[in-house]
Amino acid sequence: MAIVTTNVGSADRIARIVVGLALIAFALFAPADISWKWVGWIGVVPLATAFLKWCPAYTLLGIRTCKAE
């Protein structure tokens, strides 16, 4: 079983939550005549990474925005 190490810090998490909620709000409340409002559902990804405190892209790139443990 692999252990996931936290790599998303507090400020990064807040930004991800704000962006994720904004994108989802766009998907839900954009005018019906906009055919590409499905793009807003991509907001689920930043929300998930914020709540998990782990970003797979950060792992691949060796980035950590949280304090060292």
PDB file of N, CA and C in Angstrom:
ATOM      1  N   MET A   1       0.841  -1.175   0.000  1.00  0.00           N
ATOM      2  CA  MET A   1       0.000   0.000   0.000  1.00  0.00           C
ATOM      3  C   MET A   1       0.886   1.238   0.000  1.00  0.00           C
ATOM      4  N   ALA A   2       0.628   2.118  -0.952  1.00  0.00           N
ATOM      5  CA  ALA A   2       1.429   3.341  -1.074  1.00  0.00           C
ATOM      6  C   ALA A   2       0.899   4.411  -0.126  1.00  0.00           C
ATOM      7  N   ILE A   3       1.831   5.129   0.473  1.00  0.00           N
ATOM      8  CA  ILE A   3       1.456   6.222   1.355  1.00  0.00           C
ATOM      9  C   ILE A   3       1.582   7.525   0.574  1.00  0.00           C
ATOM     10  N   VAL A   4       0.511   8.317   0.556  1.00  0.00           N
ATOM     11  CA  VAL A   4       0.504   9.577  -0.166  1.00  0.00           C
ATOM     12  C   VAL A   4       1.011  10.670   0.764  1.00  0.00           C
ATOM     13  N   THR A   5       2.018  11.394   0.314  1.00  0.00           N
ATOM     14  CA  THR A   5       2.594  12.473   1.096  1.00  0.00           C
ATOM     15  C   THR A   5       1.919  13.783   0.720  1.00  0.00           C
ATOM     16  N   THR A   6       1.545  14.561   1.712  1.00  0.00           N
ATOM     17  CA  THR A   6       0.927  15.857   1.475  1.00  0.00           C
ATOM     18  C   THR A   6       1.896  16.758   0.720  1.00  0.00           C
ATOM     19  N   ASN A   7       1.415  17.393  -0.357  1.00  0.00           N
ATOM     20  CA  ASN A   7       2.272  18.307  -1.098  1.00  0.00           C
ATOM     21  C   ASN A   7       1.565  19.605  -1.482  1.00  0.00           C
ATOM     22  N   VAL A   8       0.379  19.849  -0.932  1.00  0.00           N
ATOM     23  CA  VAL A   8      -0.375  21.068  -1.207  1.00  0.00           C
ATOM     24  C   VAL A   8      -0.526  21.851   0.091  1.00  0.00           C
ATOM     25  N   GLY A   9      -0.009  23.069   0.110  1.00  0.00           N
ATOM     26  CA  GLY A   9      -0.047  23.909   1.299  1.00  0.00           C
ATOM     27  C   GLY A   9      -1.358  24.656   1.476  1.00  0.00           C
ATOM     28  N   SER A  10      -1.463  25.404   2.566  1.00  0.00           N
ATOM     29  CA  SER A  10      -2.706  26.098   2.931  1.00  0.00           C
ATOM     30  C   SER A  10      -3.140  27.132   1.906  1.00  0.00           C
ATOM     31  N   ALA A  11      -2.235  28.018   1.495  1.00  0.00           N
ATOM     32  CA  ALA A  11      -2.598  29.054   0.519  1.00  0.00           C
ATOM     33  C   ALA A  11      -2.984  28.420  -0.813  1.00  0.00           C
ATOM     34  N   ASP A  12      -2.270  27.394  -1.196  1.00  0.00           N
ATOM     35  CA  ASP A  12      -2.559  26.666  -2.430  1.00  0.00           C
ATOM     36  C   ASP A  12      -3.938  26.011  -2.343  1.00  0.00           C
ATOM     37  N   ARG A  13      -4.259  25.437  -1.201  1.00  0.00           N
ATOM     38  CA  ARG A  13      -5.566  24.796  -1.012  1.00  0.00           C
ATOM     39  C   ARG A  13      -6.695  25.806  -1.140  1.00  0.00           C
ATOM     40  N   ILE A  14      -6.526  26.973  -0.529  1.00  0.00           N
ATOM     41  CA  ILE A  14      -7.564  28.010  -0.599  1.00  0.00           C
ATOM     42  C   ILE A  14      -7.778  28.443  -2.045  1.00  0.00           C
ATOM     43  N   ALA A  15      -6.685  28.652  -2.776  1.00  0.00           N
ATOM     44  CA  ALA A  15      -6.793  29.040  -4.186  1.00  0.00           C
ATOM     45  C   ALA A  15      -7.500  27.958  -4.999  1.00  0.00           C
ATOM     46  N   ARG A  16      -7.179  26.706  -4.740  1.00  0.00           N
ATOM     47  CA  ARG A  16      -7.819  25.599  -5.464  1.00  0.00           C
ATOM     48  C   ARG A  16      -9.314  25.524  -5.163  1.00  0.00           C
ATOM     49  N   ILE A  17      -9.693  25.750  -3.914  1.00  0.00           N
ATOM     50  CA  ILE A  17     -11.113  25.722  -3.549  1.00  0.00           C
ATOM     51  C   ILE A  17     -11.864  26.853  -4.242  1.00  0.00           C
ATOM     52  N   VAL A  18     -11.294  28.058  -4.226  1.00  0.00           N
ATOM     53  CA  VAL A  18     -11.943  29.211  -4.861  1.00  0.00           C
ATOM     54  C   VAL A  18     -12.105  28.979  -6.368  1.00  0.00           C
ATOM     55  N   VAL A  19     -11.035  28.542  -7.022  1.00  0.00           N
ATOM     56  CA  VAL A  19     -11.086  28.301  -8.467  1.00  0.00           C
ATOM     57  C   VAL A  19     -12.055  27.163  -8.789  1.00  0.00           C
ATOM     58  N   GLY A  20     -12.002  26.091  -8.018  1.00  0.00           N
ATOM     59  CA  GLY A  20     -12.903  24.961  -8.248  1.00  0.00           C
ATOM     60  C   GLY A  20     -14.362  25.346  -8.112  1.00  0.00           C
ATOM     61  N   LEU A  21     -14.690  26.085  -7.055  1.00  0.00           N
ATOM     62  CA  LEU A  21     -16.080  26.523  -6.859  1.00  0.00           C
ATOM     63  C   LEU A  21     -16.530  27.494  -7.954  1.00  0.00           C
ATOM     64  N   ALA A  22     -15.633  28.370  -8.388  1.00  0.00           N
ATOM     65  CA  ALA A  22     -15.976  29.306  -9.460  1.00  0.00           C
ATOM     66  C   ALA A  22     -16.263  28.566 -10.764  1.00  0.00           C
ATOM     67  N   LEU A  23     -15.449  27.579 -11.085  1.00  0.00           N
ATOM     68  CA  LEU A  23     -15.676  26.810 -12.311  1.00  0.00           C
ATOM     69  C   LEU A  23     -16.983  26.018 -12.254  1.00  0.00           C
ATOM     70  N   ILE A  24     -17.251  25.425 -11.117  1.00  0.00           N
ATOM     71  CA  ILE A  24     -18.500  24.663 -10.971  1.00  0.00           C
ATOM     72  C   ILE A  24     -19.706  25.600 -11.032  1.00  0.00           C
ATOM     73  N   ALA A  25     -19.589  26.775 -10.422  1.00  0.00           N
ATOM     74  CA  ALA A  25     -20.680  27.765 -10.493  1.00  0.00           C
ATOM     75  C   ALA A  25     -20.922  28.170 -11.947  1.00  0.00           C
ATOM     76  N   PHE A  26     -19.864  28.321 -12.710  1.00  0.00           N
ATOM     77  CA  PHE A  26     -20.014  28.628 -14.131  1.00  0.00           C
ATOM     78  C   PHE A  26     -20.777  27.514 -14.838  1.00  0.00           C
ATOM     79  N   ALA A  27     -20.433  26.271 -14.548  1.00  0.00           N
ATOM     80  CA  ALA A  27     -21.109  25.139 -15.189  1.00  0.00           C
ATOM     81  C   ALA A  27     -22.590  25.106 -14.833  1.00  0.00           C
ATOM     82  N   LEU A  28     -22.908  25.462 -13.602  1.00  0.00           N
ATOM     83  CA  LEU A  28     -24.303  25.395 -13.158  1.00  0.00           C
ATOM     84  C   LEU A  28     -25.143  26.589 -13.587  1.00  0.00           C
ATOM     85  N   PHE A  29     -24.546  27.780 -13.595  1.00  0.00           N
ATOM     86  CA  PHE A  29     -25.332  28.992 -13.764  1.00  0.00           C
ATOM     87  C   PHE A  29     -25.074  29.769 -15.047  1.00  0.00           C
ATOM     88  N   ALA A  30     -24.245  29.270 -15.938  1.00  0.00           N
ATOM     89  CA  ALA A  30     -23.998  29.950 -17.210  1.00  0.00           C
ATOM     90  C   ALA A  30     -25.264  29.881 -18.061  1.00  0.00           C
ATOM     91  N   PRO A  31     -25.467  30.873 -18.916  1.00  0.00           N
ATOM     92  CA  PRO A  31     -26.650  30.834 -19.796  1.00  0.00           C
ATOM     93  C   PRO A  31     -26.687  29.555 -20.633  1.00  0.00           C
ATOM     94  N   ALA A  32     -27.871  29.093 -20.906  1.00  0.00           N
ATOM     95  CA  ALA A  32     -28.054  27.822 -21.608  1.00  0.00           C
ATOM     96  C   ALA A  32     -27.504  27.849 -23.032  1.00  0.00           C
ATOM     97  N   ASP A  33     -27.372  29.027 -23.627  1.00  0.00           N
ATOM     98  CA  ASP A  33     -26.902  29.086 -25.010  1.00  0.00           C
ATOM     99  C   ASP A  33     -25.380  28.945 -25.135  1.00  0.00           C
ATOM    100  N   ILE A  34     -24.673  28.829 -24.021  1.00  0.00           N
ATOM    101  CA  ILE A  34     -23.231  28.607 -24.071  1.00  0.00           C
ATOM    102  C   ILE A  34     -22.991  27.098 -24.173  1.00  0.00           C
ATOM    103  N   SER A  35     -22.463  26.662 -25.309  1.00  0.00           N
ATOM    104  CA  SER A  35     -22.329  25.225 -25.551  1.00  0.00           C
ATOM    105  C   SER A  35     -21.134  24.599 -24.837  1.00  0.00           C
ATOM    106  N   TRP A  36     -20.199  25.393 -24.364  1.00  0.00           N
ATOM    107  CA  TRP A  36     -18.988  24.848 -23.738  1.00  0.00           C
ATOM    108  C   TRP A  36     -18.973  25.015 -22.230  1.00  0.00           C
ATOM    109  N   LYS A  37     -20.129  25.194 -21.613  1.00  0.00           N
ATOM    110  CA  LYS A  37     -20.152  25.365 -20.156  1.00  0.00           C
ATOM    111  C   LYS A  37     -19.788  24.086 -19.399  1.00  0.00           C
ATOM    112  N   TRP A  38     -19.729  22.952 -20.105  1.00  0.00           N
ATOM    113  CA  TRP A  38     -19.273  21.698 -19.487  1.00  0.00           C
ATOM    114  C   TRP A  38     -17.844  21.834 -18.980  1.00  0.00           C
ATOM    115  N   VAL A  39     -17.094  22.754 -19.536  1.00  0.00           N
ATOM    116  CA  VAL A  39     -15.710  22.966 -19.116  1.00  0.00           C
ATOM    117  C   VAL A  39     -15.651  23.313 -17.627  1.00  0.00           C
ATOM    118  N   GLY A  40     -16.693  23.916 -17.104  1.00  0.00           N
ATOM    119  CA  GLY A  40     -16.739  24.274 -15.691  1.00  0.00           C
ATOM    120  C   GLY A  40     -16.635  23.080 -14.761  1.00  0.00           C
ATOM    121  N   TRP A  41     -17.032  21.915 -15.237  1.00  0.00           N
ATOM    122  CA  TRP A  41     -16.956  20.720 -14.385  1.00  0.00           C
ATOM    123  C   TRP A  41     -15.519  20.283 -14.134  1.00  0.00           C
ATOM    124  N   ILE A  42     -14.580  20.867 -14.844  1.00  0.00           N
ATOM    125  CA  ILE A  42     -13.169  20.614 -14.557  1.00  0.00           C
ATOM    126  C   ILE A  42     -12.832  21.120 -13.150  1.00  0.00           C
ATOM    127  N   GLY A  43     -13.677  21.993 -12.603  1.00  0.00           N
ATOM    128  CA  GLY A  43     -13.495  22.511 -11.250  1.00  0.00           C
ATOM    129  C   GLY A  43     -13.502  21.436 -10.179  1.00  0.00           C
ATOM    130  N   VAL A  44     -13.984  20.264 -10.497  1.00  0.00           N
ATOM    131  CA  VAL A  44     -13.977  19.153  -9.541  1.00  0.00           C
ATOM    132  C   VAL A  44     -12.531  18.740  -9.225  1.00  0.00           C
ATOM    133  N   VAL A  45     -11.645  18.864 -10.197  1.00  0.00           N
ATOM    134  CA  VAL A  45     -10.248  18.447 -10.008  1.00  0.00           C
ATOM    135  C   VAL A  45      -9.543  19.305  -8.953  1.00  0.00           C
ATOM    136  N   PRO A  46      -9.563  20.643  -9.063  1.00  0.00           N
ATOM    137  CA  PRO A  46      -8.908  21.425  -8.004  1.00  0.00           C
ATOM    138  C   PRO A  46      -9.559  21.237  -6.632  1.00  0.00           C
ATOM    139  N   LEU A  47     -10.872  21.040  -6.600  1.00  0.00           N
ATOM    140  CA  LEU A  47     -11.529  20.780  -5.313  1.00  0.00           C
ATOM    141  C   LEU A  47     -11.034  19.474  -4.702  1.00  0.00           C
ATOM    142  N   ALA A  48     -10.943  18.437  -5.514  1.00  0.00           N
ATOM    143  CA  ALA A  48     -10.485  17.143  -5.013  1.00  0.00           C
ATOM    144  C   ALA A  48      -9.051  17.223  -4.503  1.00  0.00           C
ATOM    145  N   THR A  49      -8.179  17.885  -5.261  1.00  0.00           N
ATOM    146  CA  THR A  49      -6.784  17.984  -4.826  1.00  0.00           C
ATOM    147  C   THR A  49      -6.650  18.848  -3.579  1.00  0.00           C
ATOM    148  N   ALA A  50      -7.522  19.829  -3.426  1.00  0.00           N
ATOM    149  CA  ALA A  50      -7.485  20.668  -2.220  1.00  0.00           C
ATOM    150  C   ALA A  50      -7.900  19.862  -0.991  1.00  0.00           C
ATOM    151  N   PHE A  51      -8.948  19.080  -1.115  1.00  0.00           N
ATOM    152  CA  PHE A  51      -9.429  18.324   0.041  1.00  0.00           C
ATOM    153  C   PHE A  51      -8.539  17.127   0.371  1.00  0.00           C
ATOM    154  N   LEU A  52      -7.873  16.572  -0.638  1.00  0.00           N
ATOM    155  CA  LEU A  52      -6.954  15.459  -0.399  1.00  0.00           C
ATOM    156  C   LEU A  52      -5.580  15.941   0.060  1.00  0.00           C
ATOM    157  N   LYS A  53      -5.291  17.228  -0.131  1.00  0.00           N
ATOM    158  CA  LYS A  53      -3.990  17.840   0.191  1.00  0.00           C
ATOM    159  C   LYS A  53      -2.866  17.192  -0.600  1.00  0.00           C
ATOM    160  N   TRP A  54      -3.188  16.685  -1.772  1.00  0.00           N
ATOM    161  CA  TRP A  54      -2.215  15.990  -2.606  1.00  0.00           C
ATOM    162  C   TRP A  54      -2.533  16.242  -4.068  1.00  0.00           C
ATOM    163  N   CYS A  55      -1.517  16.610  -4.828  1.00  0.00           N
ATOM    164  CA  CYS A  55      -1.670  16.857  -6.252  1.00  0.00           C
ATOM    165  C   CYS A  55      -0.728  15.927  -7.017  1.00  0.00           C
ATOM    166  N   PRO A  56      -1.256  15.073  -7.883  1.00  0.00           N
ATOM    167  CA  PRO A  56      -0.395  14.156  -8.624  1.00  0.00           C
ATOM    168  C   PRO A  56       0.586  14.879  -9.539  1.00  0.00           C
ATOM    169  N   ALA A  57       0.197  16.006 -10.112  1.00  0.00           N
ATOM    170  CA  ALA A  57       1.112  16.766 -10.975  1.00  0.00           C
ATOM    171  C   ALA A  57       2.290  17.295 -10.163  1.00  0.00           C
ATOM    172  N   TYR A  58       2.022  17.755  -8.949  1.00  0.00           N
ATOM    173  CA  TYR A  58       3.110  18.227  -8.079  1.00  0.00           C
ATOM    174  C   TYR A  58       4.077  17.084  -7.768  1.00  0.00           C
ATOM    175  N   THR A  59       3.540  15.890  -7.572  1.00  0.00           N
ATOM    176  CA  THR A  59       4.387  14.736  -7.288  1.00  0.00           C
ATOM    177  C   THR A  59       5.324  14.461  -8.463  1.00  0.00           C
ATOM    178  N   LEU A  60       4.790  14.483  -9.674  1.00  0.00           N
ATOM    179  CA  LEU A  60       5.599  14.231 -10.862  1.00  0.00           C
ATOM    180  C   LEU A  60       6.667  15.308 -11.068  1.00  0.00           C
ATOM    181  N   LEU A  61       6.330  16.562 -10.738  1.00  0.00           N
ATOM    182  CA  LEU A  61       7.259  17.674 -10.948  1.00  0.00           C
ATOM    183  C   LEU A  61       8.149  17.943  -9.745  1.00  0.00           C
ATOM    184  N   GLY A  62       7.919  17.251  -8.644  1.00  0.00           N
ATOM    185  CA  GLY A  62       8.731  17.437  -7.433  1.00  0.00           C
ATOM    186  C   GLY A  62       8.453  18.743  -6.708  1.00  0.00           C
ATOM    187  N   ILE A  63       7.220  19.228  -6.802  1.00  0.00           N
ATOM    188  CA  ILE A  63       6.838  20.501  -6.170  1.00  0.00           C
ATOM    189  C   ILE A  63       6.123  20.230  -4.850  1.00  0.00           C
ATOM    190  N   ARG A  64       6.398  21.055  -3.855  1.00  0.00           N
ATOM    191  CA  ARG A  64       5.670  21.015  -2.573  1.00  0.00           C
ATOM    192  C   ARG A  64       5.386  22.452  -2.151  1.00  0.00           C
ATOM    193  N   THR A  65       4.136  22.764  -1.877  1.00  0.00           N
ATOM    194  CA  THR A  65       3.788  24.101  -1.404  1.00  0.00           C
ATOM    195  C   THR A  65       3.455  24.101   0.077  1.00  0.00           C
ATOM    196  N   CYS A  66       3.638  22.969   0.722  1.00  0.00           N
ATOM    197  CA  CYS A  66       3.392  22.890   2.168  1.00  0.00           C
ATOM    198  C   CYS A  66       4.719  22.833   2.901  1.00  0.00           C
ATOM    199  N   LYS A  67       4.663  23.100   4.193  1.00  0.00           N
ATOM    200  CA  LYS A  67       5.874  23.045   5.018  1.00  0.00           C
ATOM    201  C   LYS A  67       6.353  21.609   5.126  1.00  0.00           C
ATOM    202  N   ALA A  68       7.656  21.453   5.213  1.00  0.00           N
ATOM    203  CA  ALA A  68       8.240  20.116   5.358  1.00  0.00           C
ATOM    204  C   ALA A  68       7.835  19.496   6.682  1.00  0.00           C
ATOM    205  N   GLU A  69       7.587  18.214   6.641  1.00  0.00           N
ATOM    206  CA  GLU A  69       7.156  17.508   7.846  1.00  0.00           C
ATOM    207  C   GLU A  69       8.340  17.096   8.691  1.00  0.00           C
TER     208      GLU A  69
END
